[in-house]
């Protein structure tokens, strides 16, 4: 009787797969019945063994079906999550794009404001403009010193100290080296404010005469920093010829930064050594 009931139950579950564990329970019950029945003839024993194998296969099928159902459910959840993440990512991308556009617009306005401020500061301080000394009327025996402006921006509150290197050398050879004696080789000028690309004769008038060469170093200071000029005169063929070189620090307000040449003008007939001006002599 138990064998028939088990066979009917197995047949029913073949068409209606039970939950995992159900067939395993039936398998355990069948195994218990076989134990209680003791010795069985060959056909009955074979039937019970086939029944056990059927329940075992049914349990395996139930586990596989449950796994497939769980996997399908997980796939659906994963697809929903991916779709949700994509929607969130798109919103984030739009937010980032809007933020970048706003940042670019803000930076553009900031750049414009910064340029306007920088232009205003350069107009006040002088920016990268500079001035330099030159001797005019060099075709005559008494050339006169003048100042010229170079650059886009006006210069403010400029002063200059011009050192006569030949006079300084003579002082150091013949007199005690004191601050007062060394200062005798200096000539100081208060140039004040200088308009762009303009210049004029210095006041008081400074002229040279009588010597065949002059060597000056000029040290300028303005609101935009420091710069130095090497100014040389040589008497050649009945007139003075001139060489002028202006140098300033790459960082105009940092005297320790590298010096760069911002202007160099040399008359064609100024003496040269191997085609180069000897600025040291």
C-alpha atoms as a PDB file:
ATOM      1  CA  UNK A   1       0.000   0.000   0.000  1.00  0.00           C
ATOM      2  CA  UNK A   2       2.812   2.419   0.921  1.00  0.00           C
ATOM      3  CA  UNK A   3       4.491   1.661  -2.379  1.00  0.00           C
ATOM      4  CA  UNK A   4       1.395   2.632  -4.375  1.00  0.00           C
ATOM      5  CA  UNK A   5       0.883   5.826  -2.394  1.00  0.00           C
ATOM      6  CA  UNK A   6       4.514   6.797  -2.934  1.00  0.00           C
ATOM      7  CA  UNK A   7       4.241   6.099  -6.678  1.00  0.00           C
ATOM      8  CA  UNK A   8       1.093   8.257  -6.921  1.00  0.00           C
ATOM      9  CA  UNK A   9       2.807  11.049  -4.973  1.00  0.00           C
ATOM     10  CA  UNK A  10       5.882  10.822  -7.258  1.00  0.00           C
ATOM     11  CA  UNK A  11       3.680  10.948 -10.362  1.00  0.00           C
ATOM     12  CA  UNK A  12       1.818  13.994  -9.017  1.00  0.00           C
ATOM     13  CA  UNK A  13       5.038  15.834  -8.220  1.00  0.00           C
ATOM     14  CA  UNK A  14       6.435  15.131 -11.670  1.00  0.00           C
ATOM     15  CA  UNK A  15       3.694  17.407 -13.031  1.00  0.00           C
ATOM     16  CA  UNK A  16       3.731  19.833 -10.091  1.00  0.00           C
ATOM     17  CA  UNK A  17       7.331  20.297  -8.933  1.00  0.00           C
ATOM     18  CA  UNK A  18       7.311  20.805  -5.130  1.00  0.00           C
ATOM     19  CA  UNK A  19       9.485  23.196  -3.131  1.00  0.00           C
ATOM     20  CA  UNK A  20      13.040  22.082  -2.383  1.00  0.00           C
ATOM     21  CA  UNK A  21      13.148  19.779   0.637  1.00  0.00           C
ATOM     22  CA  UNK A  22       9.706  18.275   0.038  1.00  0.00           C
ATOM     23  CA  UNK A  23      10.931  15.416  -2.171  1.00  0.00           C
ATOM     24  CA  UNK A  24      13.861  14.939   0.216  1.00  0.00           C
ATOM     25  CA  UNK A  25      11.397  14.434   3.057  1.00  0.00           C
ATOM     26  CA  UNK A  26       9.470  11.896   1.002  1.00  0.00           C
ATOM     27  CA  UNK A  27      12.770  10.186   0.185  1.00  0.00           C
ATOM     28  CA  UNK A  28      13.538   9.868   3.888  1.00  0.00           C
ATOM     29  CA  UNK A  29      10.064   8.438   4.589  1.00  0.00           C
ATOM     30  CA  UNK A  30      10.424   5.862   1.800  1.00  0.00           C
ATOM     31  CA  UNK A  31      13.836   4.863   3.131  1.00  0.00           C
ATOM     32  CA  UNK A  32      12.276   4.422   6.584  1.00  0.00           C
ATOM     33  CA  UNK A  33       9.469   2.257   5.234  1.00  0.00           C
ATOM     34  CA  UNK A  34      11.999   0.064   3.414  1.00  0.00           C
ATOM     35  CA  UNK A  35      13.865  -0.409   6.682  1.00  0.00           C
ATOM     36  CA  UNK A  36      10.710  -1.405   8.554  1.00  0.00           C
ATOM     37  CA  UNK A  37       9.591  -3.888   5.884  1.00  0.00           C
ATOM     38  CA  UNK A  38      12.716  -5.989   6.312  1.00  0.00           C
ATOM     39  CA  UNK A  39      13.415  -8.636   3.661  1.00  0.00           C
ATOM     40  CA  UNK A  40      11.665  -8.029   0.308  1.00  0.00           C
ATOM     41  CA  UNK A  41      11.577 -10.049  -2.880  1.00  0.00           C
ATOM     42  CA  UNK A  42      13.494  -8.882  -5.899  1.00  0.00           C
ATOM     43  CA  UNK A  43      10.712  -7.058  -7.748  1.00  0.00           C
ATOM     44  CA  UNK A  44       9.428  -5.185  -4.711  1.00  0.00           C
ATOM     45  CA  UNK A  45      12.955  -4.194  -3.702  1.00  0.00           C
ATOM     46  CA  UNK A  46      13.611  -2.950  -7.239  1.00  0.00           C
ATOM     47  CA  UNK A  47      10.383  -0.910  -7.157  1.00  0.00           C
ATOM     48  CA  UNK A  48      11.382   0.735  -3.866  1.00  0.00           C
ATOM     49  CA  UNK A  49      14.853   1.530  -5.255  1.00  0.00           C
ATOM     50  CA  UNK A  50      13.331   3.069  -8.404  1.00  0.00           C
ATOM     51  CA  UNK A  51      11.036   5.057  -6.127  1.00  0.00           C
ATOM     52  CA  UNK A  52      14.009   6.334  -4.127  1.00  0.00           C
ATOM     53  CA  UNK A  53      15.818   7.330  -7.318  1.00  0.00           C
ATOM     54  CA  UNK A  54      12.666   9.089  -8.514  1.00  0.00           C
ATOM     55  CA  UNK A  55      12.400  11.152  -5.344  1.00  0.00           C
ATOM     56  CA  UNK A  56      16.123  11.930  -5.540  1.00  0.00           C
ATOM     57  CA  UNK A  57      15.769  13.130  -9.140  1.00  0.00           C
ATOM     58  CA  UNK A  58      12.664  15.083  -8.165  1.00  0.00           C
ATOM     59  CA  UNK A  59      14.543  16.849  -5.328  1.00  0.00           C
ATOM     60  CA  UNK A  60      17.393  17.701  -7.700  1.00  0.00           C
ATOM     61  CA  UNK A  61      14.903  19.057 -10.249  1.00  0.00           C
ATOM     62  CA  UNK A  62      13.188  21.064  -7.501  1.00  0.00           C
ATOM     63  CA  UNK A  63      16.504  22.618  -6.407  1.00  0.00           C
ATOM     64  CA  UNK A  64      17.413  23.492 -10.044  1.00  0.00           C
ATOM     65  CA  UNK A  65      13.984  25.042 -10.631  1.00  0.00           C
ATOM     66  CA  UNK A  66      14.260  27.064  -7.423  1.00  0.00           C
ATOM     67  CA  UNK A  67      17.729  28.274  -8.426  1.00  0.00           C
ATOM     68  CA  UNK A  68      16.498  29.241 -11.901  1.00  0.00           C
ATOM     69  CA  UNK A  69      13.543  31.112 -10.393  1.00  0.00           C
ATOM     70  CA  UNK A  70      15.833  32.974  -7.986  1.00  0.00           C
ATOM     71  CA  UNK A  71      18.279  33.762 -10.801  1.00  0.00           C
ATOM     72  CA  UNK A  72      15.453  35.106 -12.987  1.00  0.00           C
ATOM     73  CA  UNK A  73      14.203  37.232 -10.092  1.00  0.00           C
ATOM     74  CA  UNK A  74      17.728  38.537  -9.469  1.00  0.00           C
ATOM     75  CA  UNK A  75      18.135  39.315 -13.191  1.00  0.00           C
ATOM     76  CA  UNK A  76      14.935  41.355 -13.112  1.00  0.00           C
ATOM     77  CA  UNK A  77      16.049  43.213  -9.983  1.00  0.00           C
ATOM     78  CA  UNK A  78      19.503  43.783 -11.479  1.00  0.00           C
ATOM     79  CA  UNK A  79      17.979  45.116 -14.702  1.00  0.00           C
ATOM     80  CA  UNK A  80      15.763  47.459 -12.701  1.00  0.00           C
ATOM     81  CA  UNK A  81      18.770  48.633 -10.670  1.00  0.00           C
ATOM     82  CA  UNK A  82      20.861  49.201 -13.807  1.00  0.00           C
ATOM     83  CA  UNK A  83      18.038  51.171 -15.383  1.00  0.00           C
ATOM     84  CA  UNK A  84      17.701  53.214 -12.195  1.00  0.00           C
ATOM     85  CA  UNK A  85      21.465  53.781 -12.013  1.00  0.00           C
ATOM     86  CA  UNK A  86      21.534  54.893 -15.653  1.00  0.00           C
ATOM     87  CA  UNK A  87      18.773  57.393 -14.985  1.00  0.00           C
ATOM     88  CA  UNK A  88      20.655  58.696 -11.941  1.00  0.00           C
ATOM     89  CA  UNK A  89      23.894  58.839 -13.953  1.00  0.00           C
ATOM     90  CA  UNK A  90      22.181  60.852 -16.682  1.00  0.00           C
ATOM     91  CA  UNK A  91      20.882  63.307 -14.090  1.00  0.00           C
ATOM     92  CA  UNK A  92      24.364  63.531 -12.571  1.00  0.00           C
ATOM     93  CA  UNK A  93      25.894  64.082 -16.026  1.00  0.00           C
ATOM     94  CA  UNK A  94      23.391  66.848 -16.723  1.00  0.00           C
ATOM     95  CA  UNK A  95      24.152  68.415 -13.343  1.00  0.00           C
ATOM     96  CA  UNK A  96      27.899  68.197 -14.000  1.00  0.00           C
ATOM     97  CA  UNK A  97      27.472  69.691 -17.469  1.00  0.00           C
ATOM     98  CA  UNK A  98      25.371  72.526 -16.079  1.00  0.00           C
ATOM     99  CA  UNK A  99      27.940  73.066 -13.324  1.00  0.00           C
ATOM    100  CA  UNK A 100      30.793  73.114 -15.860  1.00  0.00           C
ATOM    101  CA  UNK A 101      28.908  75.573 -18.053  1.00  0.00           C
ATOM    102  CA  UNK A 102      28.225  77.800 -15.057  1.00  0.00           C
ATOM    103  CA  UNK A 103      31.845  77.477 -13.923  1.00  0.00           C
ATOM    104  CA  UNK A 104      33.118  78.347 -17.420  1.00  0.00           C
ATOM    105  CA  UNK A 105      30.842  81.366 -17.563  1.00  0.00           C
ATOM    106  CA  UNK A 106      31.953  82.450 -14.104  1.00  0.00           C
ATOM    107  CA  UNK A 107      35.639  81.964 -14.990  1.00  0.00           C
ATOM    108  CA  UNK A 108      35.138  83.885 -18.220  1.00  0.00           C
ATOM    109  CA  UNK A 109      33.640  86.782 -16.281  1.00  0.00           C
ATOM    110  CA  UNK A 110      36.425  86.455 -13.705  1.00  0.00           C
ATOM    111  CA  UNK A 111      39.074  86.478 -16.445  1.00  0.00           C
ATOM    112  CA  UNK A 112      37.537  89.610 -17.927  1.00  0.00           C
ATOM    113  CA  UNK A 113      37.433  91.287 -14.522  1.00  0.00           C
ATOM    114  CA  UNK A 114      40.998  90.130 -13.772  1.00  0.00           C
ATOM    115  CA  UNK A 115      42.251  91.537 -17.063  1.00  0.00           C
ATOM    116  CA  UNK A 116      40.506  94.829 -16.388  1.00  0.00           C
ATOM    117  CA  UNK A 117      41.977  94.967 -12.880  1.00  0.00           C
ATOM    118  CA  UNK A 118      45.437  94.009 -14.190  1.00  0.00           C
ATOM    119  CA  UNK A 119      45.180  96.735 -16.841  1.00  0.00           C
ATOM    120  CA  UNK A 120      44.225  99.273 -14.212  1.00  0.00           C
ATOM    121  CA  UNK A 121      47.119  98.209 -11.977  1.00  0.00           C
ATOM    122  CA  UNK A 122      49.567  98.465 -14.889  1.00  0.00           C
ATOM    123  CA  UNK A 123      48.295 101.943 -15.693  1.00  0.00           C
ATOM    124  CA  UNK A 124      48.870 102.945 -12.085  1.00  0.00           C
ATOM    125  CA  UNK A 125      52.266 101.299 -11.540  1.00  0.00           C
ATOM    126  CA  UNK A 126      53.712 101.350 -15.067  1.00  0.00           C
ATOM    127  CA  UNK A 127      53.446  97.642 -15.871  1.00  0.00           C
ATOM    128  CA  UNK A 128      56.425  96.438 -17.910  1.00  0.00           C
ATOM    129  CA  UNK A 129      57.290  99.916 -19.220  1.00  0.00           C
ATOM    130  CA  UNK A 130      60.688 101.475 -18.563  1.00  0.00           C
ATOM    131  CA  UNK A 131      62.679 104.585 -19.429  1.00  0.00           C
ATOM    132  CA  UNK A 132      66.300 104.989 -20.461  1.00  0.00           C
ATOM    133  CA  UNK A 133      68.915 107.670 -20.953  1.00  0.00           C
ATOM    134  CA  UNK A 134      70.418 108.672 -24.272  1.00  0.00           C
ATOM    135  CA  UNK A 135      72.728 111.445 -25.399  1.00  0.00           C
ATOM    136  CA  UNK A 136      71.327 113.652 -28.145  1.00  0.00           C
ATOM    137  CA  UNK A 137      73.290 115.957 -30.439  1.00  0.00           C
ATOM    138  CA  UNK A 138      76.063 113.376 -30.590  1.00  0.00           C
ATOM    139  CA  UNK A 139      77.336 114.881 -33.839  1.00  0.00           C
ATOM    140  CA  UNK A 140      78.515 117.825 -31.763  1.00  0.00           C
ATOM    141  CA  UNK A 141      81.303 117.895 -29.215  1.00  0.00           C
ATOM    142  CA  UNK A 142      78.922 118.548 -26.299  1.00  0.00           C
ATOM    143  CA  UNK A 143      76.090 115.970 -26.355  1.00  0.00           C
ATOM    144  CA  UNK A 144      73.176 116.462 -23.959  1.00  0.00           C
ATOM    145  CA  UNK A 145      71.536 113.794 -21.815  1.00  0.00           C
ATOM    146  CA  UNK A 146      67.825 113.030 -22.400  1.00  0.00           C
ATOM    147  CA  UNK A 147      65.329 110.497 -21.108  1.00  0.00           C
ATOM    148  CA  UNK A 148      63.020 108.389 -23.316  1.00  0.00           C
ATOM    149  CA  UNK A 149      60.005 106.309 -22.311  1.00  0.00           C
ATOM    150  CA  UNK A 150      59.505 102.796 -23.691  1.00  0.00           C
ATOM    151  CA  UNK A 151      56.286 100.841 -23.203  1.00  0.00           C
ATOM    152  CA  UNK A 152      52.516 100.995 -23.260  1.00  0.00           C
ATOM    153  CA  UNK A 153      51.945 102.265 -19.733  1.00  0.00           C
ATOM    154  CA  UNK A 154      52.948 105.570 -18.118  1.00  0.00           C
ATOM    155  CA  UNK A 155      55.627 105.488 -15.433  1.00  0.00           C
ATOM    156  CA  UNK A 156      55.072 106.899 -11.948  1.00  0.00           C
ATOM    157  CA  UNK A 157      57.465 108.487  -9.478  1.00  0.00           C
ATOM    158  CA  UNK A 158      60.660 107.497 -11.292  1.00  0.00           C
ATOM    159  CA  UNK A 159      64.119 108.319  -9.947  1.00  0.00           C
ATOM    160  CA  UNK A 160      67.559 107.549 -11.382  1.00  0.00           C
ATOM    161  CA  UNK A 161      71.113 107.379 -10.094  1.00  0.00           C
ATOM    162  CA  UNK A 162      73.762 107.684 -12.825  1.00  0.00           C
ATOM    163  CA  UNK A 163      77.281 106.530 -11.931  1.00  0.00           C
ATOM    164  CA  UNK A 164      80.263 107.835 -13.903  1.00  0.00           C
ATOM    165  CA  UNK A 165      82.414 104.671 -13.878  1.00  0.00           C
ATOM    166  CA  UNK A 166      85.572 106.470 -14.979  1.00  0.00           C
ATOM    167  CA  UNK A 167      85.224 109.057 -12.213  1.00  0.00           C
ATOM    168  CA  UNK A 168      84.466 106.300  -9.705  1.00  0.00           C
ATOM    169  CA  UNK A 169      87.593 104.412 -10.766  1.00  0.00           C
ATOM    170  CA  UNK A 170      89.698 107.565 -10.365  1.00  0.00           C
ATOM    171  CA  UNK A 171      88.254 108.220  -6.899  1.00  0.00           C
ATOM    172  CA  UNK A 172      89.004 104.685  -5.766  1.00  0.00           C
ATOM    173  CA  UNK A 173      92.599 105.010  -6.992  1.00  0.00           C
ATOM    174  CA  UNK A 174      93.375 108.392  -5.456  1.00  0.00           C
ATOM    175  CA  UNK A 175      91.106 108.895  -2.437  1.00  0.00           C
ATOM    176  CA  UNK A 176      89.983 107.002   0.655  1.00  0.00           C
ATOM    177  CA  UNK A 177      87.003 104.779  -0.025  1.00  0.00           C
ATOM    178  CA  UNK A 178      84.275 106.551   1.899  1.00  0.00           C
ATOM    179  CA  UNK A 179      80.578 106.905   1.216  1.00  0.00           C
ATOM    180  CA  UNK A 180      81.015 110.613   0.574  1.00  0.00           C
ATOM    181  CA  UNK A 181      83.866 110.120  -1.903  1.00  0.00           C
ATOM    182  CA  UNK A 182      82.054 107.357  -3.791  1.00  0.00           C
ATOM    183  CA  UNK A 183      78.889 109.491  -3.970  1.00  0.00           C
ATOM    184  CA  UNK A 184      80.903 112.130  -5.842  1.00  0.00           C
ATOM    185  CA  UNK A 185      80.715 109.890  -8.926  1.00  0.00           C
ATOM    186  CA  UNK A 186      76.898 109.818  -8.756  1.00  0.00           C
ATOM    187  CA  UNK A 187      74.371 112.135 -10.329  1.00  0.00           C
ATOM    188  CA  UNK A 188      70.783 111.767  -9.095  1.00  0.00           C
ATOM    189  CA  UNK A 189      67.670 112.651 -11.086  1.00  0.00           C
ATOM    190  CA  UNK A 190      64.053 112.886  -9.947  1.00  0.00           C
ATOM    191  CA  UNK A 191      62.200 112.093 -13.171  1.00  0.00           C
ATOM    192  CA  UNK A 192      58.687 111.936 -11.666  1.00  0.00           C
ATOM    193  CA  UNK A 193      55.888 110.724 -13.956  1.00  0.00           C
ATOM    194  CA  UNK A 194      56.614 109.906 -17.606  1.00  0.00           C
ATOM    195  CA  UNK A 195      53.950 109.547 -20.295  1.00  0.00           C
ATOM    196  CA  UNK A 196      54.008 106.642 -22.741  1.00  0.00           C
ATOM    197  CA  UNK A 197      56.549 106.874 -25.579  1.00  0.00           C
ATOM    198  CA  UNK A 198      57.584 110.394 -24.675  1.00  0.00           C
ATOM    199  CA  UNK A 199      60.754 111.972 -23.344  1.00  0.00           C
ATOM    200  CA  UNK A 200      62.865 115.097 -23.160  1.00  0.00           C
ATOM    201  CA  UNK A 201      66.053 116.765 -22.054  1.00  0.00           C
ATOM    202  CA  UNK A 202      66.809 116.342 -18.374  1.00  0.00           C
ATOM    203  CA  UNK A 203      66.426 119.176 -15.943  1.00  0.00           C
ATOM    204  CA  UNK A 204      69.001 120.208 -14.818  1.00  0.00           C
ATOM    205  CA  UNK A 205      70.849 119.839 -18.139  1.00  0.00           C
ATOM    206  CA  UNK A 206      73.613 117.231 -18.092  1.00  0.00           C
ATOM    207  CA  UNK A 207      76.341 117.422 -20.753  1.00  0.00           C
ATOM    208  CA  UNK A 208      79.708 115.802 -21.384  1.00  0.00           C
ATOM    209  CA  UNK A 209      82.751 117.316 -23.043  1.00  0.00           C
ATOM    210  CA  UNK A 210      86.460 116.920 -23.549  1.00  0.00           C
ATOM    211  CA  UNK A 211      86.986 113.151 -23.216  1.00  0.00           C
ATOM    212  CA  UNK A 212      87.048 110.548 -25.967  1.00  0.00           C
ATOM    213  CA  UNK A 213      85.056 108.018 -23.964  1.00  0.00           C
ATOM    214  CA  UNK A 214      82.447 107.917 -21.184  1.00  0.00           C
ATOM    215  CA  UNK A 215      81.075 104.945 -19.261  1.00  0.00           C
ATOM    216  CA  UNK A 216      77.892 105.251 -17.239  1.00  0.00           C
ATOM    217  CA  UNK A 217      75.714 102.800 -15.344  1.00  0.00           C
ATOM    218  CA  UNK A 218      72.237 104.114 -14.589  1.00  0.00           C
ATOM    219  CA  UNK A 219      70.020 102.631 -11.871  1.00  0.00           C
ATOM    220  CA  UNK A 220      66.307 103.395 -12.235  1.00  0.00           C
ATOM    221  CA  UNK A 221      63.487 102.914  -9.744  1.00  0.00           C
ATOM    222  CA  UNK A 222      59.736 103.406 -10.199  1.00  0.00           C
ATOM    223  CA  UNK A 223      56.470 102.053  -8.828  1.00  0.00           C
ATOM    224  CA  UNK A 224      56.858  99.052 -11.164  1.00  0.00           C
ATOM    225  CA  UNK A 225      60.319  98.053  -9.891  1.00  0.00           C
ATOM    226  CA  UNK A 226      64.010  98.404 -10.737  1.00  0.00           C
ATOM    227  CA  UNK A 227      66.015  98.330 -13.956  1.00  0.00           C
ATOM    228  CA  UNK A 228      69.583  99.128 -15.024  1.00  0.00           C
ATOM    229  CA  UNK A 229      71.098 100.754 -18.093  1.00  0.00           C
ATOM    230  CA  UNK A 230      74.643 100.484 -19.440  1.00  0.00           C
ATOM    231  CA  UNK A 231      75.376 103.707 -21.334  1.00  0.00           C
ATOM    232  CA  UNK A 232      78.649 104.149 -23.249  1.00  0.00           C
ATOM    233  CA  UNK A 233      80.054 106.972 -25.422  1.00  0.00           C
ATOM    234  CA  UNK A 234      83.060 106.787 -27.781  1.00  0.00           C
ATOM    235  CA  UNK A 235      84.588 109.571 -29.899  1.00  0.00           C
ATOM    236  CA  UNK A 236      84.859 108.217 -33.444  1.00  0.00           C
ATOM    237  CA  UNK A 237      85.630 110.202 -36.608  1.00  0.00           C
ATOM    238  CA  UNK A 238      84.856 113.601 -35.134  1.00  0.00           C
ATOM    239  CA  UNK A 239      81.650 112.693 -33.272  1.00  0.00           C
ATOM    240  CA  UNK A 240      80.380 110.694 -30.329  1.00  0.00           C
ATOM    241  CA  UNK A 241      78.908 107.247 -30.928  1.00  0.00           C
ATOM    242  CA  UNK A 242      76.712 105.555 -28.371  1.00  0.00           C
ATOM    243  CA  UNK A 243      75.857 102.077 -27.077  1.00  0.00           C
ATOM    244  CA  UNK A 244      72.966 101.570 -24.676  1.00  0.00           C
ATOM    245  CA  UNK A 245      71.630  98.393 -23.077  1.00  0.00           C
ATOM    246  CA  UNK A 246      68.763  98.171 -20.576  1.00  0.00           C
ATOM    247  CA  UNK A 247      68.339  95.141 -18.327  1.00  0.00           C
ATOM    248  CA  UNK A 248      65.780  94.234 -15.709  1.00  0.00           C
ATOM    249  CA  UNK A 249      64.900  91.240 -13.584  1.00  0.00           C
ATOM    250  CA  UNK A 250      62.475  88.765 -15.129  1.00  0.00           C
ATOM    251  CA  UNK A 251      60.351  89.269 -12.027  1.00  0.00           C
ATOM    252  CA  UNK A 252      60.462  93.061 -11.926  1.00  0.00           C
ATOM    253  CA  UNK A 253      60.101  93.329  -8.142  1.00  0.00           C
ATOM    254  CA  UNK A 254      62.403  90.415  -7.270  1.00  0.00           C
ATOM    255  CA  UNK A 255      66.047  91.457  -7.516  1.00  0.00           C
ATOM    256  CA  UNK A 256      67.175  87.837  -7.143  1.00  0.00           C
ATOM    257  CA  UNK A 257      65.414  86.701 -10.331  1.00  0.00           C
ATOM    258  CA  UNK A 258      67.275  86.329 -13.632  1.00  0.00           C
ATOM    259  CA  UNK A 259      68.094  89.524 -15.551  1.00  0.00           C
ATOM    260  CA  UNK A 260      66.883  89.894 -19.145  1.00  0.00           C
ATOM    261  CA  UNK A 261      67.786  92.456 -21.817  1.00  0.00           C
ATOM    262  CA  UNK A 262      64.780  94.610 -22.720  1.00  0.00           C
ATOM    263  CA  UNK A 263      66.563  97.101 -24.976  1.00  0.00           C
ATOM    264  CA  UNK A 264      69.915  97.236 -26.784  1.00  0.00           C
ATOM    265  CA  UNK A 265      70.789 100.012 -29.255  1.00  0.00           C
ATOM    266  CA  UNK A 266      74.282 100.458 -30.657  1.00  0.00           C
ATOM    267  CA  UNK A 267      75.365 103.016 -33.256  1.00  0.00           C
ATOM    268  CA  UNK A 268      76.753 101.348 -36.423  1.00  0.00           C
ATOM    269  CA  UNK A 269      80.209 102.933 -36.050  1.00  0.00           C
ATOM    270  CA  UNK A 270      80.543 102.294 -32.300  1.00  0.00           C
ATOM    271  CA  UNK A 271      83.799 100.333 -31.658  1.00  0.00           C
ATOM    272  CA  UNK A 272      83.453  96.571 -31.225  1.00  0.00           C
ATOM    273  CA  UNK A 273      85.704  93.674 -30.276  1.00  0.00           C
ATOM    274  CA  UNK A 274      85.171  90.720 -32.608  1.00  0.00           C
ATOM    275  CA  UNK A 275      81.854  92.246 -33.624  1.00  0.00           C
ATOM    276  CA  UNK A 276      80.604  92.630 -30.034  1.00  0.00           C
ATOM    277  CA  UNK A 277      80.327  95.591 -27.702  1.00  0.00           C
ATOM    278  CA  UNK A 278      82.644  95.409 -24.706  1.00  0.00           C
ATOM    279  CA  UNK A 279      80.253  96.545 -21.968  1.00  0.00           C
ATOM    280  CA  UNK A 280      82.891  96.091 -19.253  1.00  0.00           C
ATOM    281  CA  UNK A 281      85.187  98.811 -20.613  1.00  0.00           C
END
